[in-house]
Amino acid sequence: MVLVSTLVEQLRVEAPATVPYVRDLFFEGQDADADGCRTRQEVLLEESQLDPVVDPPCTVTTGQWLSYYDNVLHVDSAAVEMDHLVALKEAWVSGAWSWTDAQRQDYANDLDDYRTLNMVTASVNSAKADKDPASWLPSYLLVRCRYVAEWTAVKWRWNLSVDSAEKSAILDVLAGCDGQLKTWLPDKPLNGQPPSPPLPDAVPVYRFWSPVYQGHFFTTDAHERDQILARWPNIWTYEGQRYTAYATQVAGTVPLYRFWSDQYAGHFYTAQQSERDAVIARWPGIWSYEGIAYYVYPANSTQTDTVSVARFWSETARHHFYTADAAERDGVLARWWRTWTYEGDNFRVPAAGVPTSPAPAQPTVPANPGDTKNCGDFATYSEAKVWFDTYFPYYGDIAKLDGDNNGIPCENLVGAPPR
């Protein structure tokens, strides 16, 4: 599902073609599955709300059809006509003039998407004719949002253009609809290359690490990045661009939701709506929902030229860690497996935006020092933390410096993070 407003912006805006229209080139009315039912009869059978009466070999005579343009029910098949939502002539001037005969035939007889063909009141179909939304909209006001959403989807799916007046009319209707109005789409248009422009440019995702809070922070907002650099340099260490994502939703992407926890002094990100809803319902006193951070591809996406973003969890730090860098992921798995538990791939992002890193070297395992230190052996927290981080990944808290198991050793030393 994708926002209709996003699709509108992806459609090509072009003046209607002036190539003379030839209706016969669409080869309307085929029997695609050779069952004796041509396209009109197939649509009548599909859309009837009651079991229809069919005379052999395949003539639908009665049933019940709702003409959604005017919200009128019909029981006589003679009272309804099969309407191409985007009329054949409108498709022609929007790009179908350049299609092959096979493509035009597929469009005229499109039974794969319920939006392309509709049974409607005959007089309404005549009034609509080949008009676009700038010249005609359904008289039944409650379906206008649906109508322009489906119009947009059909145009996107068949890689058809819109003219400027048509686009303005669609946007005018959408302005009065639910701002989150969505529609279904295939992975890509059926004809030709994706619409121009196919996608907005992906934006950098900047990453910070806090040695104080033992957590990461991600943002696509350069202003927010610069504020953190200026105001909290002792808390947040800037790690640069780690991958790219989309500031607005594009086809195939999903929102990445962001939470903040005062208790854990960190953020949590998820691309799964069910996980977002569970966190909101179960831990409202711990996690505050901050909305959508940016847009990414779901973990199971087949979008080309993308890479997985791995997610880790640290029981001691009480934070998640995310990386799109396979070398970094493997390094964490090899060296910090006691600290970070690998939770799998959480979402996907464009491969081109991920900085390349050398493959991780095999870690040199230090000798076990045993219980040879206590906090009094260190002058500062930094010294204790360096010693702790050297041995903890391999032997755990061997010297028992972290009494409350929060990942912060020797909390009473100078320089320790606030409790």
Protein backbone atom coordinates (compact mmCIF):
# COMPACT_ATOMS: atom_id res chain seq x y z
CA MET A 1 0.00 0.00 0.00
CA VAL A 2 1.26 3.47 -0.82
CA LEU A 3 -0.04 7.00 -0.32
CA VAL A 4 -2.09 8.20 -3.28
CA SER A 5 -0.55 11.66 -2.97
CA THR A 6 2.88 10.07 -3.44
CA LEU A 7 1.77 8.33 -6.63
CA VAL A 8 0.33 11.53 -8.09
CA GLU A 9 3.76 13.16 -7.79
CA GLN A 10 5.37 10.21 -9.60
CA LEU A 11 3.16 10.45 -12.69
CA ARG A 12 4.61 12.14 -15.76
CA VAL A 13 2.99 15.49 -16.52
CA GLU A 14 2.60 15.85 -20.30
CA ALA A 15 0.23 17.49 -22.74
CA PRO A 16 -2.16 14.99 -24.37
CA ALA A 17 -0.74 13.40 -27.50
CA THR A 18 -2.14 14.60 -30.85
CA VAL A 19 -1.71 11.29 -32.69
CA PRO A 20 -5.12 10.43 -34.26
CA TYR A 21 -7.06 7.99 -32.05
CA VAL A 22 -7.88 4.55 -33.49
CA ARG A 23 -10.19 2.63 -31.15
CA ASP A 24 -9.93 -0.62 -33.11
CA LEU A 25 -6.25 -0.89 -32.13
CA PHE A 26 -7.31 -1.85 -28.57
CA PHE A 27 -8.97 -5.16 -29.67
CA GLU A 28 -11.62 -4.91 -26.97
CA GLY A 29 -13.77 -7.90 -26.00
CA GLN A 30 -11.42 -10.88 -26.08
CA ASP A 31 -12.04 -14.26 -24.44
CA ALA A 32 -8.69 -14.57 -22.69
CA ASP A 33 -9.25 -17.96 -21.02
CA ALA A 34 -11.28 -19.47 -23.88
CA ASP A 35 -14.25 -20.28 -21.60
CA GLY A 36 -16.80 -18.68 -23.92
CA CYS A 37 -17.08 -15.48 -21.83
CA ARG A 38 -15.79 -12.27 -23.32
CA THR A 39 -14.51 -9.39 -21.20
CA ARG A 40 -17.88 -7.69 -20.57
CA GLN A 41 -19.43 -10.96 -19.40
CA GLU A 42 -16.43 -11.70 -17.17
CA VAL A 43 -16.84 -8.32 -15.46
CA LEU A 44 -20.59 -8.86 -15.04
CA LEU A 45 -19.90 -12.25 -13.44
CA GLU A 46 -17.18 -10.85 -11.18
CA GLU A 47 -19.09 -7.80 -9.94
CA SER A 48 -22.56 -9.24 -9.43
CA GLN A 49 -23.51 -9.14 -5.75
CA LEU A 50 -25.99 -12.01 -6.26
CA ASP A 51 -25.64 -15.22 -8.24
CA PRO A 52 -26.29 -14.07 -11.80
CA VAL A 53 -28.51 -15.78 -14.37
CA VAL A 54 -26.42 -16.83 -17.37
CA ASP A 55 -27.79 -18.00 -20.72
CA PRO A 56 -25.48 -20.33 -22.66
CA PRO A 57 -22.87 -20.09 -23.85
CA CYS A 58 -22.15 -17.00 -21.69
CA THR A 59 -24.70 -14.23 -21.65
CA VAL A 60 -25.34 -12.71 -18.24
CA THR A 61 -28.93 -11.49 -18.09
CA THR A 62 -29.77 -10.69 -14.48
CA GLY A 63 -27.90 -10.28 -11.20
CA GLN A 64 -27.21 -7.31 -8.96
CA TRP A 65 -24.67 -4.63 -9.79
CA LEU A 66 -23.81 -1.50 -7.83
CA SER A 67 -22.82 1.39 -10.06
CA TYR A 68 -20.48 3.05 -7.60
CA TYR A 69 -20.21 6.31 -9.57
CA ASP A 70 -23.85 7.16 -8.74
CA ASN A 71 -24.58 4.60 -5.97
CA VAL A 72 -27.41 2.93 -7.92
CA LEU A 73 -28.27 -0.81 -7.87
CA HIS A 74 -29.27 -2.62 -11.07
CA VAL A 75 -30.62 -6.13 -11.61
CA ASP A 76 -30.87 -6.03 -15.42
CA SER A 77 -27.53 -6.40 -17.18
CA ALA A 78 -28.86 -4.23 -20.04
CA ALA A 79 -28.98 -1.27 -17.64
CA VAL A 80 -25.23 -1.25 -17.02
CA GLU A 81 -22.24 -0.76 -19.28
CA MET A 82 -18.61 -1.78 -18.87
CA ASP A 83 -16.59 1.34 -18.23
CA HIS A 84 -12.83 1.66 -18.54
CA LEU A 85 -12.07 3.86 -15.55
CA VAL A 86 -9.39 5.52 -17.66
CA ALA A 87 -11.17 5.48 -21.00
CA LEU A 88 -9.47 3.98 -24.05
CA LYS A 89 -9.15 7.38 -25.73
CA GLU A 90 -7.77 8.94 -22.53
CA ALA A 91 -5.24 6.10 -22.32
CA TRP A 92 -4.33 6.69 -25.98
CA VAL A 93 -3.52 10.38 -25.54
CA SER A 94 -1.68 9.61 -22.27
CA GLY A 95 0.78 7.20 -23.89
CA ALA A 96 -1.06 4.16 -25.28
CA TRP A 97 -0.62 5.52 -28.82
CA SER A 98 3.00 4.31 -28.60
CA TRP A 99 2.20 0.83 -27.22
CA THR A 100 2.29 -2.44 -29.11
CA ASP A 101 -0.97 -4.06 -30.23
CA ALA A 102 -0.54 -6.66 -27.48
CA GLN A 103 -0.19 -3.99 -24.80
CA ARG A 104 -3.31 -2.17 -25.97
CA GLN A 105 -5.25 -5.44 -26.02
CA ASP A 106 -4.08 -6.25 -22.48
CA TYR A 107 -5.25 -2.83 -21.31
CA ALA A 108 -8.66 -3.01 -22.98
CA ASN A 109 -9.30 -6.42 -21.41
CA ASP A 110 -7.56 -5.97 -18.06
CA LEU A 111 -9.17 -8.43 -15.64
CA ASP A 112 -6.15 -8.58 -13.32
CA ASP A 113 -6.98 -5.34 -11.48
CA TYR A 114 -10.56 -4.66 -10.37
CA ARG A 115 -10.02 -0.91 -10.75
CA THR A 116 -9.54 -0.88 -14.52
CA LEU A 117 -13.04 -2.07 -15.53
CA ASN A 118 -16.37 -1.31 -13.80
CA MET A 119 -20.03 -1.99 -14.47
CA VAL A 120 -21.86 1.35 -14.19
CA THR A 121 -25.20 2.90 -15.03
CA ALA A 122 -25.39 3.22 -18.85
CA SER A 123 -26.32 6.90 -18.83
CA VAL A 124 -23.50 7.68 -16.38
CA ASN A 125 -21.02 5.91 -18.61
CA SER A 126 -22.20 7.99 -21.56
CA ALA A 127 -21.84 11.21 -19.57
CA LYS A 128 -18.33 10.28 -18.42
CA ALA A 129 -17.22 9.21 -21.90
CA ASP A 130 -13.46 9.83 -22.27
CA LYS A 131 -13.23 12.68 -19.75
CA ASP A 132 -10.52 12.91 -17.08
CA PRO A 133 -11.13 14.23 -13.51
CA ALA A 134 -10.68 17.82 -14.64
CA SER A 135 -13.87 17.45 -16.73
CA TRP A 136 -15.88 14.78 -14.92
CA LEU A 137 -16.24 13.34 -11.41
CA PRO A 138 -18.85 10.94 -9.98
CA SER A 139 -22.10 12.60 -8.93
CA TYR A 140 -22.07 10.56 -5.71
CA LEU A 141 -19.78 12.74 -3.58
CA LEU A 142 -18.82 10.02 -1.09
CA VAL A 143 -16.91 8.05 -3.73
CA ARG A 144 -14.85 10.84 -5.26
CA CYS A 145 -11.83 10.06 -3.08
CA ARG A 146 -12.00 6.42 -4.15
CA TYR A 147 -12.43 7.45 -7.78
CA VAL A 148 -9.34 9.66 -8.01
CA ALA A 149 -7.31 7.13 -5.99
CA GLU A 150 -8.21 4.37 -8.44
CA TRP A 151 -7.70 6.68 -11.43
CA THR A 152 -4.20 7.49 -10.18
CA ALA A 153 -3.41 3.83 -9.55
CA VAL A 154 -4.51 2.77 -13.04
CA LYS A 155 -2.43 5.52 -14.63
CA TRP A 156 0.62 4.59 -12.53
CA ARG A 157 0.22 0.86 -13.16
CA TRP A 158 0.03 1.36 -16.93
CA ASN A 159 2.70 4.08 -17.00
CA LEU A 160 0.32 6.70 -18.39
CA SER A 161 0.84 10.44 -18.10
CA VAL A 162 -1.44 13.16 -16.73
CA ASP A 163 -1.87 16.69 -18.02
CA SER A 164 -1.52 19.67 -15.69
CA ALA A 165 -5.29 20.34 -15.35
CA GLU A 166 -5.94 16.65 -14.64
CA LYS A 167 -3.26 16.57 -11.94
CA SER A 168 -4.62 19.73 -10.31
CA ALA A 169 -8.14 18.26 -10.25
CA ILE A 170 -6.90 15.06 -8.62
CA LEU A 171 -5.01 17.02 -5.97
CA ASP A 172 -8.05 19.20 -5.31
CA VAL A 173 -10.15 16.12 -4.56
CA LEU A 174 -7.39 14.55 -2.44
CA ALA A 175 -7.21 17.72 -0.33
CA GLY A 176 -10.64 16.84 1.02
CA CYS A 177 -9.80 13.16 1.65
CA ASP A 178 -8.02 11.39 4.46
CA GLY A 179 -4.41 12.58 4.32
CA GLN A 180 -3.29 8.95 4.68
CA LEU A 181 -5.40 7.66 1.74
CA LYS A 182 -3.58 4.66 0.31
CA THR A 183 -3.97 2.26 -2.58
CA TRP A 184 -2.46 -1.03 -3.73
CA LEU A 185 0.23 -1.18 -6.40
CA PRO A 186 2.36 -3.79 -8.11
CA ASP A 187 6.16 -3.51 -7.73
CA LYS A 188 6.48 -1.56 -10.97
CA PRO A 189 4.36 -0.27 -13.88
CA LEU A 190 3.36 -2.79 -16.53
CA ASN A 191 4.67 -0.86 -19.52
CA GLY A 192 8.06 0.71 -20.02
CA GLN A 193 10.30 2.10 -17.35
CA PRO A 194 9.00 3.45 -14.01
CA PRO A 195 7.39 6.90 -14.25
CA SER A 196 9.65 9.92 -14.46
CA PRO A 197 10.86 10.79 -11.91
CA PRO A 198 10.73 7.18 -10.63
CA LEU A 199 11.81 8.04 -7.11
CA PRO A 200 12.87 11.13 -5.20
CA ASP A 201 16.52 11.17 -4.23
CA ALA A 202 17.29 9.18 -1.13
CA VAL A 203 18.57 11.33 1.74
CA PRO A 204 21.51 10.59 4.04
CA VAL A 205 20.84 8.95 7.40
CA TYR A 206 23.33 10.26 9.97
CA ARG A 207 24.40 8.21 12.97
CA PHE A 208 25.67 9.17 16.40
CA TRP A 209 27.05 6.96 19.18
CA SER A 210 26.83 7.87 22.85
CA PRO A 211 29.46 6.31 25.12
CA VAL A 212 27.45 7.82 27.98
CA TYR A 213 24.13 6.16 27.13
CA GLN A 214 25.62 3.20 25.23
CA GLY A 215 23.21 3.75 22.35
CA HIS A 216 22.92 5.08 18.81
CA PHE A 217 20.82 7.88 17.36
CA PHE A 218 19.79 8.23 13.68
CA THR A 219 18.43 11.26 11.84
CA THR A 220 17.92 12.47 8.27
CA ASP A 221 17.55 16.06 9.49
CA ALA A 222 20.78 17.98 8.88
CA HIS A 223 19.61 20.73 11.24
CA GLU A 224 19.04 18.20 14.03
CA ARG A 225 22.45 16.69 13.29
CA ASP A 226 24.16 20.08 13.54
CA GLN A 227 22.35 20.92 16.80
CA ILE A 228 23.63 17.73 18.40
CA LEU A 229 27.16 18.41 17.18
CA ALA A 230 27.05 21.91 18.65
CA ARG A 231 25.26 21.29 21.95
CA TRP A 232 26.24 17.79 23.12
CA PRO A 233 29.69 16.92 21.76
CA ASN A 234 30.61 15.24 25.05
CA ILE A 235 27.58 12.96 24.93
CA TRP A 236 27.16 12.12 21.24
CA THR A 237 29.99 11.09 18.90
CA TYR A 238 29.20 11.75 15.24
CA GLU A 239 29.75 8.71 13.00
CA GLY A 240 28.72 10.23 9.66
CA GLN A 241 26.34 8.92 7.01
CA ARG A 242 25.58 5.24 7.55
CA TYR A 243 22.98 4.65 4.82
CA THR A 244 20.23 6.50 2.90
CA ALA A 245 16.42 6.41 3.06
CA TYR A 246 13.45 8.46 1.81
CA ALA A 247 12.06 11.60 3.40
CA THR A 248 8.68 10.95 1.73
CA GLN A 249 7.01 7.63 0.98
CA VAL A 250 7.65 6.08 -2.41
CA ALA A 251 6.21 2.92 -3.95
CA GLY A 252 7.32 -0.17 -2.08
CA THR A 253 8.48 1.60 1.08
CA VAL A 254 7.07 1.59 4.60
CA PRO A 255 7.44 4.06 7.47
CA LEU A 256 10.25 3.63 10.00
CA TYR A 257 8.70 4.57 13.34
CA ARG A 258 10.70 6.30 16.11
CA PHE A 259 10.31 6.17 19.88
CA TRP A 260 12.17 7.91 22.72
CA SER A 261 12.65 6.62 26.27
CA ASP A 262 13.55 8.93 29.16
CA GLN A 263 14.17 5.84 31.27
CA TYR A 264 16.74 4.35 28.89
CA ALA A 265 17.91 7.68 27.42
CA GLY A 266 17.69 6.40 23.87
CA HIS A 267 15.67 5.87 20.73
CA PHE A 268 14.03 2.78 19.30
CA TYR A 269 13.17 2.28 15.62
CA THR A 270 10.93 -0.25 13.92
CA ALA A 271 9.57 -0.73 10.40
CA GLN A 272 6.81 -3.07 11.59
CA GLN A 273 3.46 -1.45 12.33
CA SER A 274 2.46 -4.36 14.58
CA GLU A 275 5.57 -3.86 16.70
CA ARG A 276 4.93 -0.12 16.85
CA ASP A 277 1.37 -0.73 18.06
CA ALA A 278 2.53 -3.27 20.64
CA VAL A 279 5.07 -0.84 22.11
CA ILE A 280 2.46 1.93 22.28
CA ALA A 281 -0.04 -0.38 23.99
CA ARG A 282 2.26 -2.19 26.43
CA TRP A 283 4.91 0.33 27.48
CA PRO A 284 3.41 3.85 27.30
CA GLY A 285 5.29 4.84 30.46
CA ILE A 286 8.64 3.81 29.00
CA TRP A 287 8.51 4.63 25.28
CA SER A 288 7.10 7.85 23.82
CA TYR A 289 6.04 7.56 20.18
CA GLU A 290 7.65 10.34 18.10
CA GLY A 291 6.15 9.48 14.70
CA ILE A 292 7.75 8.56 11.38
CA ALA A 293 11.51 9.03 11.15
CA TYR A 294 11.78 8.30 7.40
CA TYR A 295 10.78 5.62 4.87
CA VAL A 296 12.53 2.32 4.14
CA TYR A 297 11.83 -0.94 2.33
CA PRO A 298 10.38 -3.81 4.42
CA ALA A 299 12.68 -6.69 5.32
CA ASN A 300 11.02 -9.00 2.79
CA SER A 301 11.16 -6.49 -0.08
CA THR A 302 12.42 -7.72 -3.46
CA GLN A 303 13.40 -4.20 -4.54
CA THR A 304 16.67 -4.36 -6.47
CA ASP A 305 19.83 -2.57 -5.34
CA THR A 306 18.92 -2.61 -1.66
CA VAL A 307 20.66 -4.07 1.39
CA SER A 308 19.40 -5.34 4.71
CA VAL A 309 19.69 -3.38 7.93
CA ALA A 310 20.57 -5.71 10.79
CA ARG A 311 19.22 -5.14 14.30
CA PHE A 312 20.92 -6.05 17.57
CA TRP A 313 19.75 -5.81 21.18
CA SER A 314 21.93 -5.30 24.27
CA GLU A 315 20.48 -6.49 27.55
CA THR A 316 23.14 -4.58 29.47
CA ALA A 317 22.89 -1.28 27.58
CA ARG A 318 19.10 -1.63 27.12
CA HIS A 319 19.43 -0.32 23.58
CA HIS A 320 19.13 -1.53 20.00
CA PHE A 321 21.87 -1.19 17.41
CA TYR A 322 21.28 -0.99 13.65
CA THR A 323 23.70 -1.31 10.76
CA ALA A 324 23.41 -1.60 6.98
CA ASP A 325 27.12 -2.41 6.72
CA ALA A 326 27.63 -6.19 6.43
CA ALA A 327 31.25 -5.87 7.56
CA GLU A 328 30.21 -3.96 10.67
CA ARG A 329 27.46 -6.50 11.36
CA ASP A 330 29.95 -9.38 11.10
CA GLY A 331 32.41 -7.55 13.33
CA VAL A 332 29.78 -7.15 16.04
CA LEU A 333 28.83 -10.83 15.71
CA ALA A 334 32.47 -11.89 16.01
CA ARG A 335 33.67 -9.60 18.77
CA TRP A 336 30.74 -8.32 20.79
CA TRP A 337 28.47 -11.33 20.86
CA ARG A 338 28.24 -11.18 24.66
CA THR A 339 27.03 -7.57 24.52
CA TRP A 340 24.85 -7.51 21.40
CA THR A 341 22.27 -10.15 20.47
CA TYR A 342 21.57 -10.34 16.73
CA GLU A 343 17.82 -10.05 16.04
CA GLY A 344 17.96 -10.42 12.25
CA ASP A 345 17.19 -8.07 9.38
CA ASN A 346 14.72 -5.34 10.29
CA PHE A 347 14.33 -3.43 7.01
CA ARG A 348 16.16 -2.64 3.74
CA VAL A 349 17.69 0.55 2.31
CA PRO A 350 19.28 1.61 -1.01
CA ALA A 351 22.64 -0.11 -1.44
CA ALA A 352 24.23 2.94 -3.04
CA GLY A 353 24.01 4.95 0.18
CA VAL A 354 25.94 2.54 2.40
CA PRO A 355 29.64 3.43 2.92
CA THR A 356 31.92 0.52 2.21
CA SER A 357 34.01 -0.90 5.02
CA PRO A 358 36.83 -3.44 4.92
CA ALA A 359 35.97 -6.94 6.00
CA PRO A 360 36.42 -7.28 9.75
CA ALA A 361 39.67 -8.80 10.89
CA GLN A 362 39.44 -11.85 13.08
CA PRO A 363 39.60 -10.59 16.65
CA THR A 364 42.62 -11.31 18.78
CA VAL A 365 41.26 -12.83 21.96
CA PRO A 366 43.01 -11.39 25.02
CA ALA A 367 44.10 -13.70 27.79
CA ASN A 368 41.66 -14.02 30.65
CA PRO A 369 42.91 -11.62 33.38
CA GLY A 370 40.72 -13.19 36.04
CA ASP A 371 39.31 -11.29 39.00
CA THR A 372 42.39 -9.09 39.32
CA LYS A 373 40.90 -5.59 39.39
CA ASN A 374 38.51 -3.55 41.44
CA CYS A 375 37.27 0.00 40.95
CA GLY A 376 39.93 1.36 43.28
CA ASP A 377 42.60 0.35 40.76
CA PHE A 378 41.41 3.02 38.29
CA ALA A 379 41.78 6.78 38.59
CA THR A 380 38.85 7.63 36.29
CA TYR A 381 35.78 6.07 34.83
CA SER A 382 37.37 6.16 31.34
CA GLU A 383 40.22 3.93 32.51
CA ALA A 384 37.79 1.46 34.05
CA LYS A 385 35.63 1.46 30.92
CA VAL A 386 38.57 0.71 28.63
CA TRP A 387 39.58 -2.27 30.80
CA PHE A 388 35.96 -3.45 31.06
CA ASP A 389 35.36 -3.21 27.29
CA THR A 390 38.57 -5.11 26.53
CA TYR A 391 37.57 -8.25 28.41
CA PHE A 392 33.77 -8.15 28.73
CA PRO A 393 33.00 -9.39 25.18
CA TYR A 394 34.98 -12.58 25.85
CA TYR A 395 34.70 -13.29 29.59
CA GLY A 396 31.82 -11.15 30.84
CA ASP A 397 32.23 -9.01 33.95
CA ILE A 398 35.12 -11.14 35.17
CA ALA A 399 36.24 -8.59 37.80
CA LYS A 400 32.67 -7.72 38.92
CA LEU A 401 33.07 -4.00 38.15
CA ASP A 402 29.43 -3.58 37.05
CA GLY A 403 27.46 -4.43 40.15
CA ASP A 404 24.01 -3.58 38.75
CA ASN A 405 24.58 -5.08 35.27
CA ASN A 406 23.74 -1.87 33.41
CA GLY A 407 26.85 -1.88 31.22
CA ILE A 408 28.49 0.96 33.19
CA PRO A 409 31.42 -0.19 35.35
CA CYS A 410 32.65 1.71 38.40
CA GLU A 411 29.83 4.23 38.45
CA ASN A 412 31.31 6.10 41.42
CA LEU A 413 34.48 7.11 39.59
CA VAL A 414 35.06 10.59 38.16
CA GLY A 415 33.58 10.94 34.66
CA ALA A 416 30.97 8.20 34.98
CA PRO A 417 27.66 8.91 33.24
CA PRO A 418 24.87 10.29 35.45
CA ARG A 419 22.59 7.77 37.11
